[in-house]
N, C-alpha and C. Protein backbone atom coordinates (compact mmCIF):
# COMPACT_ATOMS: atom_id res chain seq x y z
N UNK A 1 37.04 25.51 45.33
CA UNK A 1 36.33 24.55 44.68
C UNK A 1 36.76 23.70 43.54
N UNK A 2 37.10 24.51 42.56
CA UNK A 2 37.69 23.88 41.32
C UNK A 2 39.16 23.14 41.53
N UNK A 3 39.77 23.66 42.76
CA UNK A 3 41.23 22.74 43.11
C UNK A 3 40.83 21.54 43.45
N UNK A 4 39.75 21.46 44.39
CA UNK A 4 39.35 20.15 44.81
C UNK A 4 38.85 19.16 43.68
N UNK A 5 38.10 19.71 42.66
CA UNK A 5 37.53 18.99 41.51
C UNK A 5 38.85 18.56 40.74
N UNK A 6 39.60 19.35 40.27
CA UNK A 6 40.52 19.15 39.17
C UNK A 6 41.86 18.69 39.67
N UNK A 7 42.42 19.42 40.71
CA UNK A 7 43.69 19.18 41.27
C UNK A 7 44.66 19.54 40.18
N UNK A 8 45.95 19.03 40.11
CA UNK A 8 46.83 19.50 39.23
C UNK A 8 47.19 18.01 38.28
N UNK A 9 47.59 18.14 36.92
CA UNK A 9 48.01 17.06 36.14
C UNK A 9 49.02 16.49 36.62
N UNK A 10 50.22 17.04 36.99
CA UNK A 10 51.30 16.25 37.57
C UNK A 10 50.87 15.19 38.53
N UNK A 11 50.09 15.81 39.53
CA UNK A 11 49.65 14.86 40.63
C UNK A 11 48.73 13.91 40.21
N UNK A 12 47.90 14.11 39.17
CA UNK A 12 46.87 12.99 38.51
C UNK A 12 47.81 11.91 37.83
N UNK A 13 49.12 12.35 37.32
CA UNK A 13 50.01 11.46 36.62
C UNK A 13 50.64 10.65 37.60
N UNK A 14 50.97 11.18 38.85
CA UNK A 14 51.48 10.44 39.91
C UNK A 14 50.71 9.54 40.46
N UNK A 15 49.44 9.76 40.63
CA UNK A 15 48.56 8.84 41.18
C UNK A 15 48.21 7.76 40.02
N UNK A 16 48.05 7.84 38.81
CA UNK A 16 48.02 6.79 37.89
C UNK A 16 49.25 5.93 38.07
N UNK A 17 50.50 6.41 38.10
CA UNK A 17 51.76 5.50 38.28
C UNK A 17 51.80 4.81 39.51
N UNK A 18 51.34 5.72 40.60
CA UNK A 18 51.27 4.94 41.92
C UNK A 18 50.23 3.73 41.93
N UNK A 19 49.27 3.93 41.39
CA UNK A 19 48.02 2.86 41.17
C UNK A 19 48.40 1.75 40.46
N UNK A 20 49.32 1.81 39.30
CA UNK A 20 49.84 0.71 38.58
C UNK A 20 50.71 0.03 39.48
N UNK A 21 51.68 0.62 40.13
CA UNK A 21 52.83 0.24 40.75
C UNK A 21 52.27 -0.64 42.05
N UNK A 22 51.07 -0.20 42.76
CA UNK A 22 50.54 -0.77 43.96
C UNK A 22 49.82 -1.95 43.56
N UNK A 23 49.17 -1.93 42.41
CA UNK A 23 48.30 -3.09 41.87
C UNK A 23 49.47 -4.10 41.48
N UNK A 24 50.30 -3.88 40.78
CA UNK A 24 51.36 -4.83 40.41
C UNK A 24 52.17 -5.45 41.59
N UNK A 25 52.54 -4.65 42.51
CA UNK A 25 53.20 -5.22 43.75
C UNK A 25 52.29 -6.07 44.58
N UNK A 26 50.87 -5.59 44.51
CA UNK A 26 50.12 -6.57 45.48
C UNK A 26 49.83 -7.88 44.90
N UNK A 27 49.75 -7.95 43.52
CA UNK A 27 49.68 -9.26 42.75
C UNK A 27 50.95 -9.91 43.14
N UNK A 28 52.05 -9.53 43.13
CA UNK A 28 53.08 -10.19 43.48
C UNK A 28 53.37 -10.72 44.85
N UNK A 29 52.85 -9.86 45.81
CA UNK A 29 52.71 -10.30 47.13
C UNK A 29 51.65 -11.50 47.26
N UNK A 30 50.46 -11.44 46.59
CA UNK A 30 49.55 -12.52 46.68
C UNK A 30 50.12 -13.66 45.95
N UNK A 31 50.85 -13.48 44.92
CA UNK A 31 51.21 -14.69 44.27
C UNK A 31 52.40 -15.48 45.22
N UNK A 32 52.95 -14.82 46.12
CA UNK A 32 53.93 -15.33 47.28
C UNK A 32 53.14 -15.87 48.46
N UNK A 33 52.01 -15.41 48.61
CA UNK A 33 51.07 -15.99 49.82
C UNK A 33 50.32 -17.17 49.58
N UNK A 34 49.66 -17.42 50.59
CA UNK A 34 48.99 -18.74 50.66
C UNK A 34 47.68 -18.46 49.77
N UNK A 35 47.16 -19.75 49.29
CA UNK A 35 46.13 -19.42 48.45
C UNK A 35 44.68 -19.30 49.26
N UNK A 36 44.62 -19.72 50.49
CA UNK A 36 43.70 -19.63 51.33
C UNK A 36 43.20 -18.16 51.68
N UNK A 37 44.30 -17.12 51.55
CA UNK A 37 43.93 -15.81 51.52
C UNK A 37 42.82 -15.37 50.60
N UNK A 38 42.82 -15.89 49.42
CA UNK A 38 41.90 -15.56 48.40
C UNK A 38 40.48 -15.90 48.32
N UNK A 39 40.42 -17.03 49.02
CA UNK A 39 39.01 -17.90 49.02
C UNK A 39 38.42 -17.96 47.50
N UNK A 40 37.39 -17.44 47.25
CA UNK A 40 36.90 -17.75 45.84
C UNK A 40 37.32 -16.93 44.81
N UNK A 41 38.12 -15.73 45.18
CA UNK A 41 38.53 -14.80 44.14
C UNK A 41 39.77 -14.98 43.59
N UNK A 42 39.94 -14.92 42.29
CA UNK A 42 41.40 -14.83 41.74
C UNK A 42 42.11 -13.75 42.28
N UNK A 43 43.58 -13.75 42.36
CA UNK A 43 44.22 -12.62 42.89
C UNK A 43 44.00 -11.37 42.32
N UNK A 44 43.75 -11.36 40.89
CA UNK A 44 43.35 -10.28 40.15
C UNK A 44 42.16 -9.42 40.44
N UNK A 45 40.93 -10.41 40.80
CA UNK A 45 39.75 -9.97 41.44
C UNK A 45 40.03 -9.35 42.78
N UNK A 46 40.64 -10.07 43.44
CA UNK A 46 40.88 -9.75 45.05
C UNK A 46 41.53 -8.26 45.17
N UNK A 47 42.59 -8.08 44.22
CA UNK A 47 43.28 -6.70 44.28
C UNK A 47 42.48 -5.64 43.67
N UNK A 48 41.69 -6.04 42.69
CA UNK A 48 40.90 -4.86 42.15
C UNK A 48 39.77 -4.39 42.96
N UNK A 49 39.11 -5.47 43.86
CA UNK A 49 38.06 -5.22 44.89
C UNK A 49 38.54 -4.36 45.95
N UNK A 50 39.65 -4.87 46.57
CA UNK A 50 40.29 -3.98 47.68
C UNK A 50 40.74 -2.64 47.24
N UNK A 51 41.40 -2.54 46.12
CA UNK A 51 42.04 -1.27 45.63
C UNK A 51 40.81 -0.36 45.20
N UNK A 52 39.79 -0.91 44.56
CA UNK A 52 38.79 0.23 44.24
C UNK A 52 38.10 0.59 45.49
N UNK A 53 37.79 -0.31 46.47
CA UNK A 53 37.19 0.01 47.70
C UNK A 53 38.17 1.21 48.46
N UNK A 54 39.31 0.99 48.46
CA UNK A 54 40.11 1.91 49.20
C UNK A 54 40.10 3.38 48.39
N UNK A 55 40.37 3.32 46.92
CA UNK A 55 40.36 4.38 46.13
C UNK A 55 38.96 5.15 46.37
N UNK A 56 37.84 4.58 46.34
CA UNK A 56 36.56 5.14 46.34
C UNK A 56 36.52 5.66 47.53
N UNK A 57 36.80 5.11 48.84
CA UNK A 57 36.69 5.50 50.21
C UNK A 57 37.44 6.62 50.44
N UNK A 58 38.63 6.50 49.98
CA UNK A 58 39.63 7.83 50.34
C UNK A 58 39.34 9.02 49.46
N UNK A 59 38.82 8.81 48.21
CA UNK A 59 38.32 9.91 47.32
C UNK A 59 37.14 10.69 47.95
N UNK A 60 36.17 9.64 48.31
CA UNK A 60 34.98 10.20 48.79
C UNK A 60 34.98 10.83 50.21
N UNK A 61 35.90 10.66 51.11
CA UNK A 61 35.93 10.88 52.52
C UNK A 61 37.06 12.03 52.70
N UNK A 62 38.03 12.35 51.89
CA UNK A 62 39.08 13.16 52.36
C UNK A 62 39.19 14.07 51.18
N UNK A 63 39.90 15.31 51.50
CA UNK A 63 40.03 16.48 50.44
C UNK A 63 41.24 15.86 49.52
N UNK A 64 41.88 15.14 49.89
CA UNK A 64 43.03 14.47 49.00
C UNK A 64 42.87 13.10 49.08
N UNK A 65 43.02 12.35 47.98
CA UNK A 65 43.25 12.90 46.47
C UNK A 65 41.82 13.53 46.07
N UNK A 66 42.04 14.42 44.96
CA UNK A 66 40.98 15.32 44.49
C UNK A 66 40.11 14.13 43.65
N UNK A 67 38.79 14.49 43.37
CA UNK A 67 37.89 13.71 42.51
C UNK A 67 38.54 13.25 41.23
N UNK A 68 39.44 14.23 40.44
CA UNK A 68 39.99 13.79 39.34
C UNK A 68 41.18 12.66 39.58
N UNK A 69 41.83 13.04 40.58
CA UNK A 69 42.84 12.15 40.95
C UNK A 69 42.50 10.63 41.45
N UNK A 70 41.30 10.60 41.97
CA UNK A 70 40.67 9.49 42.23
C UNK A 70 40.02 8.74 41.18
N UNK A 71 39.38 9.43 40.18
CA UNK A 71 39.10 8.92 39.02
C UNK A 71 40.10 8.59 38.07
N UNK A 72 41.26 9.28 38.02
CA UNK A 72 42.47 8.66 37.36
C UNK A 72 43.01 7.31 37.85
N UNK A 73 43.11 7.22 39.15
CA UNK A 73 43.45 6.01 39.83
C UNK A 73 42.54 4.87 39.66
N UNK A 74 41.25 4.99 39.55
CA UNK A 74 40.24 4.05 39.17
C UNK A 74 40.26 3.56 37.87
N UNK A 75 40.64 4.55 36.91
CA UNK A 75 40.63 4.01 35.47
C UNK A 75 42.11 3.41 35.22
N UNK A 76 43.14 3.91 35.91
CA UNK A 76 44.55 3.40 35.81
C UNK A 76 44.45 1.65 36.19
N UNK A 77 43.76 1.62 37.43
CA UNK A 77 43.73 0.28 37.88
C UNK A 77 42.95 -0.58 37.08
N UNK A 78 41.94 -0.14 36.46
CA UNK A 78 41.03 -0.99 35.76
C UNK A 78 41.64 -1.20 34.32
N UNK A 79 42.56 -0.24 33.70
CA UNK A 79 43.18 -0.57 32.53
C UNK A 79 44.09 -1.52 32.77
N UNK A 80 45.08 -1.29 33.95
CA UNK A 80 45.96 -2.15 34.18
C UNK A 80 45.43 -3.76 34.33
N UNK A 81 44.34 -3.80 35.04
CA UNK A 81 43.70 -5.09 35.34
C UNK A 81 43.37 -5.81 33.82
N UNK A 82 42.70 -4.93 33.10
CA UNK A 82 42.38 -5.35 31.76
C UNK A 82 43.55 -5.78 30.84
N UNK A 83 44.75 -5.08 30.88
CA UNK A 83 45.96 -5.36 30.20
C UNK A 83 46.67 -6.66 30.68
N UNK A 84 46.54 -6.81 32.14
CA UNK A 84 47.04 -8.06 32.57
C UNK A 84 46.15 -9.23 32.29
N UNK A 85 44.99 -8.78 32.23
CA UNK A 85 44.04 -10.06 31.78
C UNK A 85 44.36 -10.65 30.27
N UNK A 86 44.50 -9.64 29.46
CA UNK A 86 45.02 -9.73 28.09
C UNK A 86 46.26 -10.60 27.97
N UNK A 87 47.19 -10.14 28.67
CA UNK A 87 48.45 -10.77 28.84
C UNK A 87 48.45 -12.16 29.24
N UNK A 88 47.65 -12.34 30.24
CA UNK A 88 47.56 -13.65 30.83
C UNK A 88 46.88 -14.78 29.89
N UNK A 89 45.83 -14.14 29.05
CA UNK A 89 45.17 -14.94 28.20
C UNK A 89 45.93 -15.38 26.99
N UNK A 90 46.90 -14.41 26.65
CA UNK A 90 47.78 -14.75 25.18
C UNK A 90 49.13 -15.26 25.65
N UNK A 91 49.60 -15.25 26.97
CA UNK A 91 50.87 -15.87 27.27
C UNK A 91 50.89 -16.76 28.32
N UNK A 92 51.40 -18.09 27.97
CA UNK A 92 51.43 -19.06 28.98
C UNK A 92 52.63 -18.59 30.11
N UNK A 93 53.69 -17.95 29.57
CA UNK A 93 54.65 -17.20 30.38
C UNK A 93 54.27 -16.40 31.37
N UNK A 94 53.30 -15.52 31.04
CA UNK A 94 52.66 -14.51 31.98
C UNK A 94 51.77 -15.20 32.76
N UNK A 95 51.11 -16.25 32.54
CA UNK A 95 50.15 -17.07 33.42
C UNK A 95 51.03 -17.70 34.55
N UNK A 96 52.30 -18.35 34.13
CA UNK A 96 52.96 -19.06 34.95
C UNK A 96 53.66 -18.09 36.02
N UNK A 97 54.02 -16.93 35.58
CA UNK A 97 54.75 -15.90 36.51
C UNK A 97 53.74 -15.32 37.47
N UNK A 98 52.64 -15.28 37.13
CA UNK A 98 51.59 -14.51 37.93
C UNK A 98 50.56 -15.55 38.82
N UNK A 99 50.46 -16.68 38.30
CA UNK A 99 49.53 -17.68 39.13
C UNK A 99 50.21 -19.13 39.51
N UNK A 100 49.77 -19.55 40.47
CA UNK A 100 50.33 -20.72 41.04
C UNK A 100 49.40 -21.81 40.26
N UNK A 101 50.19 -22.89 40.02
CA UNK A 101 49.48 -23.91 39.43
C UNK A 101 48.61 -24.75 40.23
N UNK A 102 47.65 -25.46 39.84
CA UNK A 102 46.72 -26.20 40.66
C UNK A 102 47.58 -27.31 41.18
N UNK A 103 47.65 -27.99 42.32
CA UNK A 103 48.21 -28.96 42.84
C UNK A 103 47.57 -30.13 43.49
N UNK A 104 47.76 -31.08 43.07
CA UNK A 104 47.15 -32.45 43.67
C UNK A 104 47.48 -32.70 45.30
N UNK A 105 46.48 -32.63 46.10
CA UNK A 105 46.68 -32.82 47.52
C UNK A 105 46.19 -34.32 47.58
N UNK A 106 45.45 -34.83 47.04
CA UNK A 106 45.20 -36.33 47.29
C UNK A 106 44.86 -37.03 46.01
N UNK A 107 45.63 -38.11 45.96
CA UNK A 107 45.26 -38.80 44.59
C UNK A 107 45.09 -40.37 45.24
N UNK A 108 44.12 -41.03 44.48
CA UNK A 108 43.90 -42.67 44.84
C UNK A 108 43.84 -42.77 46.24
N UNK A 109 43.03 -41.90 47.10
CA UNK A 109 42.71 -42.01 48.45
C UNK A 109 44.14 -41.84 49.41
N UNK A 110 45.09 -41.18 48.79
CA UNK A 110 46.31 -41.09 49.66
C UNK A 110 46.56 -39.39 49.56
N UNK A 111 46.63 -39.10 50.69
CA UNK A 111 47.07 -37.60 51.07
C UNK A 111 48.42 -37.30 50.83
N UNK A 112 48.94 -36.25 49.99
CA UNK A 112 50.53 -36.11 49.70
C UNK A 112 50.96 -34.78 50.71
N UNK A 113 51.70 -35.53 51.56
CA UNK A 113 52.40 -34.50 52.62
C UNK A 113 53.03 -33.42 51.91
N UNK A 114 53.81 -33.79 50.97
CA UNK A 114 54.78 -32.66 50.22
C UNK A 114 54.04 -31.71 49.51
N UNK A 115 52.95 -32.00 49.06
CA UNK A 115 51.82 -31.01 48.51
C UNK A 115 51.12 -30.05 49.59
N UNK A 116 50.90 -30.77 50.72
CA UNK A 116 50.44 -30.05 51.84
C UNK A 116 51.30 -28.90 52.44
N UNK A 117 52.49 -29.42 52.42
CA UNK A 117 53.61 -28.46 52.87
C UNK A 117 53.91 -27.14 51.63
N UNK A 118 53.68 -27.71 50.44
CA UNK A 118 53.88 -26.54 49.50
C UNK A 118 52.77 -25.49 49.69
N UNK A 119 51.62 -26.12 50.07
CA UNK A 119 50.33 -25.23 50.13
C UNK A 119 50.17 -24.55 51.43
N UNK A 120 50.94 -24.88 52.15
CA UNK A 120 50.84 -24.27 53.56
C UNK A 120 49.47 -24.79 54.45
N UNK A 121 49.44 -26.06 54.07
CA UNK A 121 48.09 -26.76 54.75
C UNK A 121 48.59 -28.08 55.60
N UNK A 122 47.75 -28.41 56.47
CA UNK A 122 47.95 -29.54 57.29
C UNK A 122 46.87 -30.50 56.85
N UNK A 123 47.17 -31.78 57.32
CA UNK A 123 46.04 -32.82 56.84
C UNK A 123 44.63 -32.42 57.25
N UNK A 124 44.40 -31.84 58.56
CA UNK A 124 43.12 -31.72 59.01
C UNK A 124 42.32 -30.41 58.06
N UNK A 125 43.27 -29.62 57.47
CA UNK A 125 42.63 -28.84 56.65
C UNK A 125 41.94 -29.52 55.34
N UNK A 126 42.84 -30.50 54.84
CA UNK A 126 42.21 -31.24 53.73
C UNK A 126 41.06 -31.95 54.12
N UNK A 127 41.04 -32.66 55.34
CA UNK A 127 40.01 -33.49 55.66
C UNK A 127 38.69 -32.73 55.84
N UNK A 128 38.94 -31.50 56.45
CA UNK A 128 37.98 -30.53 56.52
C UNK A 128 37.27 -30.15 54.96
N UNK A 129 38.03 -29.91 54.03
CA UNK A 129 37.54 -29.60 52.84
C UNK A 129 36.85 -30.63 52.26
N UNK A 130 37.45 -31.77 52.38
CA UNK A 130 36.82 -32.98 51.64
C UNK A 130 35.30 -33.40 52.28
N UNK A 131 35.17 -33.18 53.58
CA UNK A 131 34.02 -33.22 54.44
C UNK A 131 33.01 -32.30 53.78
N UNK A 132 33.32 -31.11 53.60
CA UNK A 132 32.60 -30.18 52.97
C UNK A 132 32.08 -30.44 51.53
N UNK A 133 32.92 -31.17 51.02
CA UNK A 133 32.42 -31.74 49.64
C UNK A 133 31.53 -33.21 49.72
N UNK A 134 31.14 -33.49 50.98
CA UNK A 134 30.28 -34.46 51.01
C UNK A 134 31.13 -36.01 51.02
N UNK A 135 32.36 -35.95 51.17
CA UNK A 135 33.17 -37.14 50.92
C UNK A 135 33.03 -37.82 52.43
N UNK A 136 32.77 -38.98 52.37
CA UNK A 136 32.65 -40.10 53.56
C UNK A 136 33.73 -41.00 53.64
N UNK A 137 34.46 -41.27 52.61
CA UNK A 137 35.58 -42.20 52.78
C UNK A 137 36.79 -41.51 51.81
N UNK A 138 38.06 -41.54 52.54
CA UNK A 138 38.96 -41.03 51.92
C UNK A 138 39.38 -41.76 50.62
N UNK A 139 39.29 -43.22 50.69
CA UNK A 139 39.65 -44.05 49.70
C UNK A 139 38.76 -43.93 48.29
N UNK A 140 37.57 -43.08 48.62
CA UNK A 140 36.83 -42.74 47.22
C UNK A 140 37.32 -41.57 46.44
N UNK A 141 38.38 -40.88 46.95
CA UNK A 141 38.73 -39.66 46.37
C UNK A 141 39.89 -40.22 45.32
N UNK A 142 39.62 -39.98 44.03
CA UNK A 142 40.41 -40.20 43.06
C UNK A 142 41.51 -39.11 42.94
N UNK A 143 40.93 -38.02 43.17
CA UNK A 143 41.64 -36.86 43.02
C UNK A 143 41.20 -35.62 43.80
N UNK A 144 42.15 -34.81 44.49
CA UNK A 144 41.61 -33.65 45.20
C UNK A 144 42.61 -32.66 44.85
N UNK A 145 42.20 -31.62 44.16
CA UNK A 145 43.19 -30.58 43.71
C UNK A 145 42.95 -29.20 44.18
N UNK A 146 44.10 -28.49 44.68
CA UNK A 146 43.83 -27.19 45.13
C UNK A 146 43.99 -26.21 44.06
N UNK A 147 42.98 -25.59 43.80
CA UNK A 147 42.96 -24.71 42.69
C UNK A 147 43.69 -23.41 42.91
N UNK A 148 43.97 -22.63 41.87
CA UNK A 148 44.74 -21.29 42.01
C UNK A 148 43.94 -20.11 42.87
N UNK A 149 42.50 -20.53 42.86
CA UNK A 149 41.84 -19.46 43.63
C UNK A 149 41.61 -19.92 45.16
N UNK A 150 42.24 -21.10 45.73
CA UNK A 150 42.13 -21.58 46.86
C UNK A 150 40.96 -22.63 47.10
N UNK A 151 40.03 -22.93 45.96
CA UNK A 151 39.15 -23.85 46.32
C UNK A 151 39.67 -25.18 46.16
N UNK A 152 39.10 -26.13 46.45
CA UNK A 152 39.35 -27.74 46.46
C UNK A 152 38.44 -28.19 45.50
N UNK A 153 38.86 -28.85 44.37
CA UNK A 153 38.24 -29.56 43.43
C UNK A 153 38.31 -31.13 43.84
N UNK A 154 37.29 -32.03 43.93
CA UNK A 154 37.17 -33.22 44.19
C UNK A 154 36.67 -34.17 43.32
N UNK A 155 37.46 -35.02 42.80
CA UNK A 155 37.04 -35.92 41.80
C UNK A 155 36.89 -37.41 42.54
N UNK A 156 35.67 -38.03 42.71
CA UNK A 156 35.58 -39.14 43.44
C UNK A 156 35.65 -40.32 42.45
N UNK A 157 36.03 -41.42 42.99
CA UNK A 157 36.31 -42.69 42.23
C UNK A 157 34.94 -43.17 41.33
N UNK A 158 35.41 -43.52 40.20
CA UNK A 158 34.34 -43.94 39.10
C UNK A 158 34.78 -44.92 38.42
N UNK A 159 34.01 -45.64 37.50
CA UNK A 159 34.40 -46.56 36.54
C UNK A 159 35.50 -46.12 35.53
N UNK A 160 35.38 -44.67 35.07
CA UNK A 160 36.24 -44.35 34.08
C UNK A 160 37.24 -43.44 34.83
N UNK A 161 38.49 -43.53 34.06
CA UNK A 161 39.59 -42.81 34.49
C UNK A 161 39.35 -41.15 34.30
N UNK A 162 40.07 -40.36 34.88
CA UNK A 162 39.96 -38.90 34.77
C UNK A 162 40.57 -38.35 33.35
N UNK A 163 39.85 -37.67 32.81
CA UNK A 163 40.30 -37.37 31.38
C UNK A 163 41.41 -36.41 31.58
N UNK A 164 42.57 -36.61 30.89
CA UNK A 164 43.80 -35.89 30.64
C UNK A 164 43.64 -34.39 30.57
N UNK A 165 42.58 -34.10 29.92
CA UNK A 165 42.39 -32.69 29.27
C UNK A 165 42.07 -31.83 31.02
N UNK A 166 41.47 -32.56 32.02
CA UNK A 166 41.11 -31.95 33.06
C UNK A 166 42.25 -31.68 33.99
N UNK A 167 43.55 -32.37 33.59
CA UNK A 167 44.74 -32.39 34.47
C UNK A 167 45.54 -31.60 33.67
N UNK A 168 45.38 -30.62 32.79
CA UNK A 168 46.36 -29.89 32.15
C UNK A 168 46.78 -28.76 33.12
N UNK A 169 48.20 -28.66 33.26
CA UNK A 169 48.72 -27.74 34.19
C UNK A 169 48.72 -28.00 35.64
N UNK A 170 48.32 -29.27 36.06
CA UNK A 170 48.27 -29.63 37.47
C UNK A 170 49.56 -30.21 37.81
N UNK A 171 50.10 -29.62 39.15
CA UNK A 171 51.06 -30.02 39.55
C UNK A 171 51.01 -31.14 40.57
N UNK A 172 51.62 -32.30 40.18
CA UNK A 172 51.80 -33.70 41.06
C UNK A 172 52.91 -33.74 41.91
N UNK A 173 52.74 -34.27 43.03
CA UNK A 173 53.71 -34.20 44.25
C UNK A 173 55.00 -35.08 43.78
N UNK A 174 54.83 -36.10 43.07
CA UNK A 174 56.05 -36.92 42.65
C UNK A 174 55.81 -37.37 41.21
N UNK A 175 55.58 -36.52 40.30
CA UNK A 175 55.29 -36.75 38.98
C UNK A 175 53.79 -37.13 38.84
N UNK A 176 53.43 -37.36 37.70
CA UNK A 176 52.07 -37.66 37.47
C UNK A 176 51.63 -39.08 37.93
N UNK A 177 50.74 -38.76 38.75
CA UNK A 177 49.98 -40.03 39.48
C UNK A 177 51.01 -40.42 40.58
N UNK A 178 51.90 -39.83 41.00
CA UNK A 178 52.91 -40.04 41.96
C UNK A 178 52.17 -40.45 43.34
N UNK A 179 52.65 -41.37 44.21
CA UNK A 179 52.21 -41.68 45.36
C UNK A 179 52.62 -40.82 46.52
N UNK A 180 52.36 -40.98 47.97
CA UNK A 180 52.86 -40.15 48.89
C UNK A 180 54.18 -40.32 49.11
């Protein structure tokens, strides 16, 4: 009974290192993947949710890893998540390395084919998302931006121009305000 509960310290250390490595590797893979995979979650939230589920399920249903190994894995995962969050908050370089920038898919009623290709989308995907936002005329869309979490932000035409602060870090297809 005590072997199941405690295990060995070298094995617990191995579990901690493995957890950090798989977490970071998964972030890299998600960084390279399409945004639509993530839905509403950030890559960091997605990885933590999946990894925590796997750790808890495996620890709860199998004799290996032991309880302490599972606990070490959970703690290592959450500490790594927290440290990466702090690094992202303090360093623009870390943010650029870990996150895709928001990208303009539509501006001034025109869909940007180059942006669609970069985002691995087709025009019908964008039209569907616009309909989901209640857009009834494409020419009414001043800006549609694919956000890092895979959601689409839609700014409809109005009397005032879009505030530059809202466009910080947004990637345009052909430079700022570039056409199709």
